[in-house]
Amino acid sequence: MSRHRKNRQHIIKSTTYDRRGRIIATAYNSFSRTHPIQAKLAAKVGQPARIFLHSEINVILKSRGRKIYKLVVERYDSLGNSKNACPCKICQEMIRISGIERVEYTVG
């Protein structure tokens, strides 16, 4: 993880799994790019300024329509310590729309 976002205060990583526990995709937050779905959901939940691509939305898009059973969201500080990673309103909406059955996240 250290090679990702070295200059940021935290790293957020999301991983999707199928029902058998196999990894479908892994993604990180982007602090420099966005996606039209991110912008649309941000406006829908009343947070239009939060347009940079969140790891949860990024990983769901990377899963390319495969059935996602579980989403794991991890947040770490710059030293690698686990921190709270509860999905925000924007990501909660994407999770709901995607029909993901189980969400797990780190608690710091």
PDB file of N, CA and C in Angstrom:
ATOM      1  N   MET A   1       0.794  -1.198   0.000  1.00  0.00           N
ATOM      2  CA  MET A   1       0.000   0.000   0.000  1.00  0.00           C
ATOM      3  C   MET A   1       0.839   1.267   0.000  1.00  0.00           C
ATOM      4  N   SER A   2       2.039   1.227   0.486  1.00  0.00           N
ATOM      5  CA  SER A   2       2.827   2.437   0.637  1.00  0.00           C
ATOM      6  C   SER A   2       3.093   3.139  -0.690  1.00  0.00           C
ATOM      7  N   ARG A   3       3.101   2.416  -1.791  1.00  0.00           N
ATOM      8  CA  ARG A   3       3.353   3.066  -3.073  1.00  0.00           C
ATOM      9  C   ARG A   3       2.152   3.873  -3.548  1.00  0.00           C
ATOM     10  N   HIS A   4       0.970   3.622  -2.981  1.00  0.00           N
ATOM     11  CA  HIS A   4      -0.228   4.367  -3.345  1.00  0.00           C
ATOM     12  C   HIS A   4      -0.382   5.570  -2.438  1.00  0.00           C
ATOM     13  N   ARG A   5      -0.529   6.725  -3.030  1.00  0.00           N
ATOM     14  CA  ARG A   5      -0.854   7.941  -2.303  1.00  0.00           C
ATOM     15  C   ARG A   5       0.155   8.272  -1.195  1.00  0.00           C
ATOM     16  N   LYS A   6       1.423   8.168  -1.490  1.00  0.00           N
ATOM     17  CA  LYS A   6       2.453   8.438  -0.484  1.00  0.00           C
ATOM     18  C   LYS A   6       2.312   9.830   0.132  1.00  0.00           C
ATOM     19  N   ASN A   7       1.839  10.779  -0.656  1.00  0.00           N
ATOM     20  CA  ASN A   7       1.763  12.143  -0.168  1.00  0.00           C
ATOM     21  C   ASN A   7       0.409  12.454   0.483  1.00  0.00           C
ATOM     22  N   ARG A   8      -0.436  11.490   0.680  1.00  0.00           N
ATOM     23  CA  ARG A   8      -1.748  11.709   1.280  1.00  0.00           C
ATOM     24  C   ARG A   8      -1.730  11.290   2.740  1.00  0.00           C
ATOM     25  N   GLN A   9      -2.688  11.828   3.502  1.00  0.00           N
ATOM     26  CA  GLN A   9      -2.768  11.505   4.918  1.00  0.00           C
ATOM     27  C   GLN A   9      -3.363  10.127   5.157  1.00  0.00           C
ATOM     28  N   HIS A  10      -4.147   9.633   4.210  1.00  0.00           N
ATOM     29  CA  HIS A  10      -4.777   8.329   4.390  1.00  0.00           C
ATOM     30  C   HIS A  10      -4.918   7.609   3.055  1.00  0.00           C
ATOM     31  N   ILE A  11      -5.084   6.312   3.150  1.00  0.00           N
ATOM     32  CA  ILE A  11      -5.266   5.453   1.983  1.00  0.00           C
ATOM     33  C   ILE A  11      -6.579   4.713   2.189  1.00  0.00           C
ATOM     34  N   ILE A  12      -7.437   4.729   1.176  1.00  0.00           N
ATOM     35  CA  ILE A  12      -8.672   3.966   1.252  1.00  0.00           C
ATOM     36  C   ILE A  12      -8.669   2.960   0.111  1.00  0.00           C
ATOM     37  N   LYS A  13      -8.821   1.712   0.474  1.00  0.00           N
ATOM     38  CA  LYS A  13      -8.775   0.593  -0.472  1.00  0.00           C
ATOM     39  C   LYS A  13     -10.091  -0.173  -0.362  1.00  0.00           C
ATOM     40  N   SER A  14     -10.663  -0.534  -1.499  1.00  0.00           N
ATOM     41  CA  SER A  14     -11.873  -1.351  -1.513  1.00  0.00           C
ATOM     42  C   SER A  14     -11.635  -2.589  -2.362  1.00  0.00           C
ATOM     43  N   THR A  15     -12.214  -3.694  -1.925  1.00  0.00           N
ATOM     44  CA  THR A  15     -12.092  -4.960  -2.638  1.00  0.00           C
ATOM     45  C   THR A  15     -13.462  -5.595  -2.733  1.00  0.00           C
ATOM     46  N   THR A  16     -13.802  -6.116  -3.922  1.00  0.00           N
ATOM     47  CA  THR A  16     -15.059  -6.835  -4.109  1.00  0.00           C
ATOM     48  C   THR A  16     -14.777  -8.333  -4.211  1.00  0.00           C
ATOM     49  N   TYR A  17     -15.736  -9.112  -3.701  1.00  0.00           N
ATOM     50  CA  TYR A  17     -15.632 -10.574  -3.687  1.00  0.00           C
ATOM     51  C   TYR A  17     -16.913 -11.188  -4.223  1.00  0.00           C
ATOM     52  N   ASP A  18     -16.768 -12.362  -4.827  1.00  0.00           N
ATOM     53  CA  ASP A  18     -17.959 -13.118  -5.224  1.00  0.00           C
ATOM     54  C   ASP A  18     -18.405 -13.986  -4.047  1.00  0.00           C
ATOM     55  N   ARG A  19     -19.469 -14.741  -4.228  1.00  0.00           N
ATOM     56  CA  ARG A  19     -20.040 -15.545  -3.144  1.00  0.00           C
ATOM     57  C   ARG A  19     -19.076 -16.615  -2.628  1.00  0.00           C
ATOM     58  N   ARG A  20     -18.132 -17.050  -3.456  1.00  0.00           N
ATOM     59  CA  ARG A  20     -17.158 -18.065  -3.045  1.00  0.00           C
ATOM     60  C   ARG A  20     -15.935 -17.468  -2.362  1.00  0.00           C
ATOM     61  N   GLY A  21     -15.905 -16.141  -2.209  1.00  0.00           N
ATOM     62  CA  GLY A  21     -14.779 -15.489  -1.551  1.00  0.00           C
ATOM     63  C   GLY A  21     -13.630 -15.143  -2.469  1.00  0.00           C
ATOM     64  N   ARG A  22     -13.832 -15.253  -3.771  1.00  0.00           N
ATOM     65  CA  ARG A  22     -12.779 -14.906  -4.730  1.00  0.00           C
ATOM     66  C   ARG A  22     -12.807 -13.408  -4.998  1.00  0.00           C
ATOM     67  N   ILE A  23     -11.628 -12.816  -5.092  1.00  0.00           N
ATOM     68  CA  ILE A  23     -11.528 -11.385  -5.377  1.00  0.00           C
ATOM     69  C   ILE A  23     -11.958 -11.116  -6.814  1.00  0.00           C
ATOM     70  N   ILE A  24     -12.836 -10.137  -6.959  1.00  0.00           N
ATOM     71  CA  ILE A  24     -13.257  -9.689  -8.290  1.00  0.00           C
ATOM     72  C   ILE A  24     -12.384  -8.519  -8.721  1.00  0.00           C
ATOM     73  N   ALA A  25     -12.257  -7.511  -7.837  1.00  0.00           N
ATOM     74  CA  ALA A  25     -11.470  -6.319  -8.167  1.00  0.00           C
ATOM     75  C   ALA A  25     -11.013  -5.615  -6.890  1.00  0.00           C
ATOM     76  N   THR A  26      -9.976  -4.798  -7.034  1.00  0.00           N
ATOM     77  CA  THR A  26      -9.459  -3.968  -5.953  1.00  0.00           C
ATOM     78  C   THR A  26      -9.230  -2.574  -6.516  1.00  0.00           C
ATOM     79  N   ALA A  27      -9.536  -1.544  -5.714  1.00  0.00           N
ATOM     80  CA  ALA A  27      -9.345  -0.162  -6.170  1.00  0.00           C
ATOM     81  C   ALA A  27      -9.067   0.749  -4.987  1.00  0.00           C
ATOM     82  N   TYR A  28      -8.504   1.910  -5.297  1.00  0.00           N
ATOM     83  CA  TYR A  28      -8.169   2.918  -4.299  1.00  0.00           C
ATOM     84  C   TYR A  28      -8.912   4.215  -4.613  1.00  0.00           C
ATOM     85  N   ASN A  29      -8.989   5.107  -3.616  1.00  0.00           N
ATOM     86  CA  ASN A  29      -9.511   6.451  -3.854  1.00  0.00           C
ATOM     87  C   ASN A  29      -8.615   7.154  -4.856  1.00  0.00           C
ATOM     88  N   SER A  30      -9.208   8.050  -5.633  1.00  0.00           N
ATOM     89  CA  SER A  30      -8.420   8.912  -6.496  1.00  0.00           C
ATOM     90  C   SER A  30      -8.608  10.345  -6.022  1.00  0.00           C
ATOM     91  N   PHE A  31      -7.519  11.050  -5.856  1.00  0.00           N
ATOM     92  CA  PHE A  31      -7.578  12.446  -5.439  1.00  0.00           C
ATOM     93  C   PHE A  31      -7.397  13.370  -6.638  1.00  0.00           C
ATOM     94  N   SER A  32      -7.381  12.787  -7.854  1.00  0.00           N
ATOM     95  CA  SER A  32      -7.158  13.611  -9.037  1.00  0.00           C
ATOM     96  C   SER A  32      -8.126  13.350 -10.189  1.00  0.00           C
ATOM     97  N   ARG A  33      -8.898  12.280 -10.122  1.00  0.00           N
ATOM     98  CA  ARG A  33      -9.825  12.016 -11.232  1.00  0.00           C
ATOM     99  C   ARG A  33     -11.210  11.696 -10.688  1.00  0.00           C
ATOM    100  N   THR A  34     -12.183  11.736 -11.590  1.00  0.00           N
ATOM    101  CA  THR A  34     -13.557  11.476 -11.201  1.00  0.00           C
ATOM    102  C   THR A  34     -14.202  10.576 -12.250  1.00  0.00           C
ATOM    103  N   HIS A  35     -15.487  10.367 -12.118  1.00  0.00           N
ATOM    104  CA  HIS A  35     -16.262   9.560 -13.043  1.00  0.00           C
ATOM    105  C   HIS A  35     -17.670  10.157 -13.069  1.00  0.00           C
ATOM    106  N   PRO A  36     -18.361  10.123 -14.194  1.00  0.00           N
ATOM    107  CA  PRO A  36     -19.714  10.694 -14.245  1.00  0.00           C
ATOM    108  C   PRO A  36     -20.673  10.101 -13.207  1.00  0.00           C
ATOM    109  N   ILE A  37     -20.508   8.830 -12.889  1.00  0.00           N
ATOM    110  CA  ILE A  37     -21.372   8.207 -11.878  1.00  0.00           C
ATOM    111  C   ILE A  37     -21.098   8.804 -10.508  1.00  0.00           C
ATOM    112  N   GLN A  38     -19.832   9.048 -10.180  1.00  0.00           N
ATOM    113  CA  GLN A  38     -19.481   9.689  -8.903  1.00  0.00           C
ATOM    114  C   GLN A  38     -20.151  11.053  -8.806  1.00  0.00           C
ATOM    115  N   ALA A  39     -20.043  11.857  -9.848  1.00  0.00           N
ATOM    116  CA  ALA A  39     -20.629  13.200  -9.846  1.00  0.00           C
ATOM    117  C   ALA A  39     -22.153  13.143  -9.728  1.00  0.00           C
ATOM    118  N   LYS A  40     -22.780  12.215 -10.440  1.00  0.00           N
ATOM    119  CA  LYS A  40     -24.238  12.082 -10.405  1.00  0.00           C
ATOM    120  C   LYS A  40     -24.722  11.683  -9.007  1.00  0.00           C
ATOM    121  N   LEU A  41     -24.073  10.701  -8.398  1.00  0.00           N
ATOM    122  CA  LEU A  41     -24.467  10.265  -7.055  1.00  0.00           C
ATOM    123  C   LEU A  41     -24.189  11.342  -6.012  1.00  0.00           C
ATOM    124  N   ALA A  42     -23.086  12.075  -6.155  1.00  0.00           N
ATOM    125  CA  ALA A  42     -22.764  13.159  -5.222  1.00  0.00           C
ATOM    126  C   ALA A  42     -23.860  14.220  -5.251  1.00  0.00           C
ATOM    127  N   ALA A  43     -24.322  14.571  -6.447  1.00  0.00           N
ATOM    128  CA  ALA A  43     -25.409  15.545  -6.564  1.00  0.00           C
ATOM    129  C   ALA A  43     -26.708  14.987  -5.986  1.00  0.00           C
ATOM    130  N   LYS A  44     -26.969  13.708  -6.220  1.00  0.00           N
ATOM    131  CA  LYS A  44     -28.207  13.071  -5.747  1.00  0.00           C
ATOM    132  C   LYS A  44     -28.323  13.098  -4.222  1.00  0.00           C
ATOM    133  N   VAL A  45     -27.205  12.904  -3.518  1.00  0.00           N
ATOM    134  CA  VAL A  45     -27.244  12.884  -2.050  1.00  0.00           C
ATOM    135  C   VAL A  45     -26.930  14.253  -1.440  1.00  0.00           C
ATOM    136  N   GLY A  46     -26.846  15.282  -2.276  1.00  0.00           N
ATOM    137  CA  GLY A  46     -26.644  16.633  -1.773  1.00  0.00           C
ATOM    138  C   GLY A  46     -25.215  16.998  -1.446  1.00  0.00           C
ATOM    139  N   GLN A  47     -24.252  16.327  -2.084  1.00  0.00           N
ATOM    140  CA  GLN A  47     -22.832  16.629  -1.858  1.00  0.00           C
ATOM    141  C   GLN A  47     -22.111  16.815  -3.193  1.00  0.00           C
ATOM    142  N   PRO A  48     -22.568  17.775  -4.012  1.00  0.00           N
ATOM    143  CA  PRO A  48     -22.034  17.913  -5.371  1.00  0.00           C
ATOM    144  C   PRO A  48     -20.552  18.245  -5.462  1.00  0.00           C
ATOM    145  N   ALA A  49     -19.949  18.739  -4.398  1.00  0.00           N
ATOM    146  CA  ALA A  49     -18.521  19.076  -4.428  1.00  0.00           C
ATOM    147  C   ALA A  49     -17.628  17.847  -4.285  1.00  0.00           C
ATOM    148  N   ARG A  50     -18.194  16.724  -3.857  1.00  0.00           N
ATOM    149  CA  ARG A  50     -17.388  15.513  -3.613  1.00  0.00           C
ATOM    150  C   ARG A  50     -17.303  14.667  -4.886  1.00  0.00           C
ATOM    151  N   ILE A  51     -16.631  15.198  -5.895  1.00  0.00           N
ATOM    152  CA  ILE A  51     -16.619  14.554  -7.199  1.00  0.00           C
ATOM    153  C   ILE A  51     -15.446  13.607  -7.434  1.00  0.00           C
ATOM    154  N   PHE A  52     -14.415  13.656  -6.586  1.00  0.00           N
ATOM    155  CA  PHE A  52     -13.279  12.767  -6.827  1.00  0.00           C
ATOM    156  C   PHE A  52     -13.655  11.330  -6.515  1.00  0.00           C
ATOM    157  N   LEU A  53     -13.144  10.419  -7.297  1.00  0.00           N
ATOM    158  CA  LEU A  53     -13.557   9.025  -7.302  1.00  0.00           C
ATOM    159  C   LEU A  53     -13.226   8.301  -6.001  1.00  0.00           C
ATOM    160  N   HIS A  54     -14.267   7.862  -5.302  1.00  0.00           N
ATOM    161  CA  HIS A  54     -14.107   7.113  -4.063  1.00  0.00           C
ATOM    162  C   HIS A  54     -13.779   5.662  -4.385  1.00  0.00           C
ATOM    163  N   SER A  55     -13.058   5.005  -3.502  1.00  0.00           N
ATOM    164  CA  SER A  55     -12.609   3.637  -3.771  1.00  0.00           C
ATOM    165  C   SER A  55     -13.782   2.672  -3.945  1.00  0.00           C
ATOM    166  N   GLU A  56     -14.864   2.879  -3.188  1.00  0.00           N
ATOM    167  CA  GLU A  56     -16.022   1.977  -3.299  1.00  0.00           C
ATOM    168  C   GLU A  56     -16.637   2.042  -4.693  1.00  0.00           C
ATOM    169  N   ILE A  57     -16.816   3.243  -5.204  1.00  0.00           N
ATOM    170  CA  ILE A  57     -17.385   3.397  -6.547  1.00  0.00           C
ATOM    171  C   ILE A  57     -16.386   2.903  -7.586  1.00  0.00           C
ATOM    172  N   ASN A  58     -15.128   3.221  -7.404  1.00  0.00           N
ATOM    173  CA  ASN A  58     -14.083   2.779  -8.316  1.00  0.00           C
ATOM    174  C   ASN A  58     -14.052   1.253  -8.431  1.00  0.00           C
ATOM    175  N   VAL A  59     -14.109   0.545  -7.303  1.00  0.00           N
ATOM    176  CA  VAL A  59     -14.033  -0.915  -7.342  1.00  0.00           C
ATOM    177  C   VAL A  59     -15.303  -1.537  -7.934  1.00  0.00           C
ATOM    178  N   ILE A  60     -16.448  -0.936  -7.680  1.00  0.00           N
ATOM    179  CA  ILE A  60     -17.691  -1.455  -8.271  1.00  0.00           C
ATOM    180  C   ILE A  60     -17.635  -1.296  -9.783  1.00  0.00           C
ATOM    181  N   LEU A  61     -17.136  -0.162 -10.259  1.00  0.00           N
ATOM    182  CA  LEU A  61     -16.982   0.032 -11.710  1.00  0.00           C
ATOM    183  C   LEU A  61     -15.978  -0.957 -12.293  1.00  0.00           C
ATOM    184  N   LYS A  62     -14.882  -1.213 -11.578  1.00  0.00           N
ATOM    185  CA  LYS A  62     -13.868  -2.166 -12.041  1.00  0.00           C
ATOM    186  C   LYS A  62     -14.391  -3.607 -12.066  1.00  0.00           C
ATOM    187  N   SER A  63     -15.430  -3.883 -11.288  1.00  0.00           N
ATOM    188  CA  SER A  63     -16.000  -5.238 -11.252  1.00  0.00           C
ATOM    189  C   SER A  63     -16.780  -5.560 -12.522  1.00  0.00           C
ATOM    190  N   ARG A  64     -17.024  -4.551 -13.324  1.00  0.00           N
ATOM    191  CA  ARG A  64     -17.609  -4.699 -14.667  1.00  0.00           C
ATOM    192  C   ARG A  64     -18.888  -5.536 -14.718  1.00  0.00           C
ATOM    193  N   GLY A  65     -19.812  -5.256 -13.819  1.00  0.00           N
ATOM    194  CA  GLY A  65     -21.113  -5.904 -13.869  1.00  0.00           C
ATOM    195  C   GLY A  65     -21.186  -7.297 -13.264  1.00  0.00           C
ATOM    196  N   ARG A  66     -20.062  -7.826 -12.786  1.00  0.00           N
ATOM    197  CA  ARG A  66     -20.100  -9.145 -12.140  1.00  0.00           C
ATOM    198  C   ARG A  66     -20.882  -9.040 -10.840  1.00  0.00           C
ATOM    199  N   LYS A  67     -21.507 -10.110 -10.425  1.00  0.00           N
ATOM    200  CA  LYS A  67     -22.290 -10.143  -9.195  1.00  0.00           C
ATOM    201  C   LYS A  67     -21.352 -10.036  -8.002  1.00  0.00           C
ATOM    202  N   ILE A  68     -21.503  -8.952  -7.246  1.00  0.00           N
ATOM    203  CA  ILE A  68     -20.673  -8.711  -6.067  1.00  0.00           C
ATOM    204  C   ILE A  68     -21.440  -9.177  -4.845  1.00  0.00           C
ATOM    205  N   TYR A  69     -20.852 -10.066  -4.091  1.00  0.00           N
ATOM    206  CA  TYR A  69     -21.470 -10.537  -2.847  1.00  0.00           C
ATOM    207  C   TYR A  69     -21.012  -9.692  -1.666  1.00  0.00           C
ATOM    208  N   LYS A  70     -19.696  -9.401  -1.611  1.00  0.00           N
ATOM    209  CA  LYS A  70     -19.145  -8.685  -0.465  1.00  0.00           C
ATOM    210  C   LYS A  70     -18.203  -7.579  -0.926  1.00  0.00           C
ATOM    211  N   LEU A  71     -18.277  -6.454  -0.215  1.00  0.00           N
ATOM    212  CA  LEU A  71     -17.384  -5.323  -0.426  1.00  0.00           C
ATOM    213  C   LEU A  71     -16.650  -5.071   0.881  1.00  0.00           C
ATOM    214  N   VAL A  72     -15.327  -5.010   0.820  1.00  0.00           N
ATOM    215  CA  VAL A  72     -14.509  -4.710   1.999  1.00  0.00           C
ATOM    216  C   VAL A  72     -13.837  -3.370   1.764  1.00  0.00           C
ATOM    217  N   VAL A  73     -14.016  -2.446   2.719  1.00  0.00           N
ATOM    218  CA  VAL A  73     -13.439  -1.108   2.628  1.00  0.00           C
ATOM    219  C   VAL A  73     -12.421  -0.957   3.761  1.00  0.00           C
ATOM    220  N   GLU A  74     -11.199  -0.570   3.399  1.00  0.00           N
ATOM    221  CA  GLU A  74     -10.120  -0.426   4.377  1.00  0.00           C
ATOM    222  C   GLU A  74      -9.551   0.988   4.309  1.00  0.00           C
ATOM    223  N   ARG A  75      -9.310   1.562   5.472  1.00  0.00           N
ATOM    224  CA  ARG A  75      -8.691   2.887   5.539  1.00  0.00           C
ATOM    225  C   ARG A  75      -7.493   2.810   6.470  1.00  0.00           C
ATOM    226  N   TYR A  76      -6.367   3.384   5.996  1.00  0.00           N
ATOM    227  CA  TYR A  76      -5.130   3.384   6.768  1.00  0.00           C
ATOM    228  C   TYR A  76      -4.534   4.781   6.756  1.00  0.00           C
ATOM    229  N   ASP A  77      -3.896   5.154   7.864  1.00  0.00           N
ATOM    230  CA  ASP A  77      -3.196   6.434   7.883  1.00  0.00           C
ATOM    231  C   ASP A  77      -1.838   6.266   7.199  1.00  0.00           C
ATOM    232  N   SER A  78      -1.061   7.335   7.153  1.00  0.00           N
ATOM    233  CA  SER A  78       0.222   7.311   6.441  1.00  0.00           C
ATOM    234  C   SER A  78       1.237   6.351   7.058  1.00  0.00           C
ATOM    235  N   LEU A  79       0.992   5.942   8.308  1.00  0.00           N
ATOM    236  CA  LEU A  79       1.884   4.988   8.967  1.00  0.00           C
ATOM    237  C   LEU A  79       1.397   3.543   8.841  1.00  0.00           C
ATOM    238  N   GLY A  80       0.251   3.346   8.192  1.00  0.00           N
ATOM    239  CA  GLY A  80      -0.287   2.001   8.011  1.00  0.00           C
ATOM    240  C   GLY A  80      -1.219   1.543   9.114  1.00  0.00           C
ATOM    241  N   ASN A  81      -1.596   2.451  10.014  1.00  0.00           N
ATOM    242  CA  ASN A  81      -2.524   2.109  11.092  1.00  0.00           C
ATOM    243  C   ASN A  81      -3.959   2.104  10.578  1.00  0.00           C
ATOM    244  N   SER A  82      -4.733   1.122  10.994  1.00  0.00           N
ATOM    245  CA  SER A  82      -6.122   0.991  10.592  1.00  0.00           C
ATOM    246  C   SER A  82      -6.951   2.146  11.155  1.00  0.00           C
ATOM    247  N   LYS A  83      -7.840   2.696  10.324  1.00  0.00           N
ATOM    248  CA  LYS A  83      -8.729   3.797  10.710  1.00  0.00           C
ATOM    249  C   LYS A  83     -10.159   3.466  10.303  1.00  0.00           C
ATOM    250  N   ASN A  84     -11.132   4.228  10.837  1.00  0.00           N
ATOM    251  CA  ASN A  84     -12.537   4.025  10.469  1.00  0.00           C
ATOM    252  C   ASN A  84     -12.725   4.240   8.976  1.00  0.00           C
ATOM    253  N   ALA A  85     -13.508   3.353   8.348  1.00  0.00           N
ATOM    254  CA  ALA A  85     -13.703   3.429   6.901  1.00  0.00           C
ATOM    255  C   ALA A  85     -15.161   3.243   6.503  1.00  0.00           C
ATOM    256  N   CYS A  86     -16.084   3.679   7.319  1.00  0.00           N
ATOM    257  CA  CYS A  86     -17.506   3.528   7.006  1.00  0.00           C
ATOM    258  C   CYS A  86     -17.838   4.288   5.715  1.00  0.00           C
ATOM    259  N   PRO A  87     -18.505   3.640   4.746  1.00  0.00           N
ATOM    260  CA  PRO A  87     -18.834   4.314   3.489  1.00  0.00           C
ATOM    261  C   PRO A  87     -19.695   5.565   3.696  1.00  0.00           C
ATOM    262  N   CYS A  88     -19.405   6.608   2.930  1.00  0.00           N
ATOM    263  CA  CYS A  88     -20.155   7.863   2.987  1.00  0.00           C
ATOM    264  C   CYS A  88     -21.515   7.693   2.308  1.00  0.00           C
ATOM    265  N   LYS A  89     -22.333   8.731   2.328  1.00  0.00           N
ATOM    266  CA  LYS A  89     -23.675   8.670   1.722  1.00  0.00           C
ATOM    267  C   LYS A  89     -23.619   8.367   0.229  1.00  0.00           C
ATOM    268  N   ILE A  90     -22.634   8.936  -0.448  1.00  0.00           N
ATOM    269  CA  ILE A  90     -22.491   8.706  -1.886  1.00  0.00           C
ATOM    270  C   ILE A  90     -22.223   7.225  -2.148  1.00  0.00           C
ATOM    271  N   CYS A  91     -21.288   6.671  -1.408  1.00  0.00           N
ATOM    272  CA  CYS A  91     -20.924   5.267  -1.596  1.00  0.00           C
ATOM    273  C   CYS A  91     -22.036   4.333  -1.125  1.00  0.00           C
ATOM    274  N   GLN A  92     -22.732   4.702  -0.066  1.00  0.00           N
ATOM    275  CA  GLN A  92     -23.864   3.899   0.393  1.00  0.00           C
ATOM    276  C   GLN A  92     -24.925   3.795  -0.692  1.00  0.00           C
ATOM    277  N   GLU A  93     -25.155   4.879  -1.420  1.00  0.00           N
ATOM    278  CA  GLU A  93     -26.124   4.865  -2.513  1.00  0.00           C
ATOM    279  C   GLU A  93     -25.665   3.933  -3.634  1.00  0.00           C
ATOM    280  N   MET A  94     -24.389   3.981  -3.980  1.00  0.00           N
ATOM    281  CA  MET A  94     -23.844   3.102  -5.021  1.00  0.00           C
ATOM    282  C   MET A  94     -23.928   1.639  -4.589  1.00  0.00           C
ATOM    283  N   ILE A  95     -23.657   1.366  -3.319  1.00  0.00           N
ATOM    284  CA  ILE A  95     -23.743  -0.002  -2.792  1.00  0.00           C
ATOM    285  C   ILE A  95     -25.183  -0.499  -2.882  1.00  0.00           C
ATOM    286  N   ARG A  96     -26.134   0.361  -2.512  1.00  0.00           N
ATOM    287  CA  ARG A  96     -27.559  -0.001  -2.573  1.00  0.00           C
ATOM    288  C   ARG A  96     -27.975  -0.302  -4.013  1.00  0.00           C
ATOM    289  N   ILE A  97     -27.621   0.583  -4.926  1.00  0.00           N
ATOM    290  CA  ILE A  97     -27.969   0.411  -6.343  1.00  0.00           C
ATOM    291  C   ILE A  97     -27.361  -0.881  -6.897  1.00  0.00           C
ATOM    292  N   SER A  98     -26.156  -1.214  -6.456  1.00  0.00           N
ATOM    293  CA  SER A  98     -25.441  -2.391  -6.960  1.00  0.00           C
ATOM    294  C   SER A  98     -25.944  -3.705  -6.373  1.00  0.00           C
ATOM    295  N   GLY A  99     -26.751  -3.630  -5.318  1.00  0.00           N
ATOM    296  CA  GLY A  99     -27.306  -4.847  -4.723  1.00  0.00           C
ATOM    297  C   GLY A  99     -26.298  -5.692  -3.963  1.00  0.00           C
ATOM    298  N   ILE A 100     -25.274  -5.076  -3.425  1.00  0.00           N
ATOM    299  CA  ILE A 100     -24.250  -5.805  -2.674  1.00  0.00           C
ATOM    300  C   ILE A 100     -24.847  -6.243  -1.345  1.00  0.00           C
ATOM    301  N   GLU A 101     -24.700  -7.530  -1.034  1.00  0.00           N
ATOM    302  CA  GLU A 101     -25.333  -8.111   0.144  1.00  0.00           C
ATOM    303  C   GLU A 101     -24.592  -7.843   1.443  1.00  0.00           C
ATOM    304  N   ARG A 102     -23.273  -7.736   1.376  1.00  0.00           N
ATOM    305  CA  ARG A 102     -22.482  -7.635   2.604  1.00  0.00           C
ATOM    306  C   ARG A 102     -21.391  -6.579   2.443  1.00  0.00           C
ATOM    307  N   VAL A 103     -21.255  -5.707   3.457  1.00  0.00           N
ATOM    308  CA  VAL A 103     -20.217  -4.678   3.449  1.00  0.00           C
ATOM    309  C   VAL A 103     -19.460  -4.771   4.766  1.00  0.00           C
ATOM    310  N   GLU A 104     -18.144  -4.841   4.680  1.00  0.00           N
ATOM    311  CA  GLU A 104     -17.282  -4.847   5.851  1.00  0.00           C
ATOM    312  C   GLU A 104     -16.309  -3.687   5.723  1.00  0.00           C
ATOM    313  N   TYR A 105     -15.949  -3.088   6.864  1.00  0.00           N
ATOM    314  CA  TYR A 105     -15.004  -1.983   6.816  1.00  0.00           C
ATOM    315  C   TYR A 105     -14.155  -1.957   8.078  1.00  0.00           C
ATOM    316  N   THR A 106     -12.984  -1.354   7.946  1.00  0.00           N
ATOM    317  CA  THR A 106     -12.066  -1.289   9.086  1.00  0.00           C
ATOM    318  C   THR A 106     -12.586  -0.315  10.137  1.00  0.00           C
ATOM    319  N   VAL A 107     -12.216  -0.590  11.366  1.00  0.00           N
ATOM    320  CA  VAL A 107     -12.529   0.285  12.485  1.00  0.00           C
ATOM    321  C   VAL A 107     -11.213   0.578  13.190  1.00  0.00           C
ATOM    322  N   GLY A 108     -10.933   1.871  13.400  1.00  0.00           N
ATOM    323  CA  GLY A 108      -9.634   2.238  13.947  1.00  0.00           C
ATOM    324  C   GLY A 108      -9.637   2.598  15.378  1.00  0.00           C
TER     325      GLY A 108
END
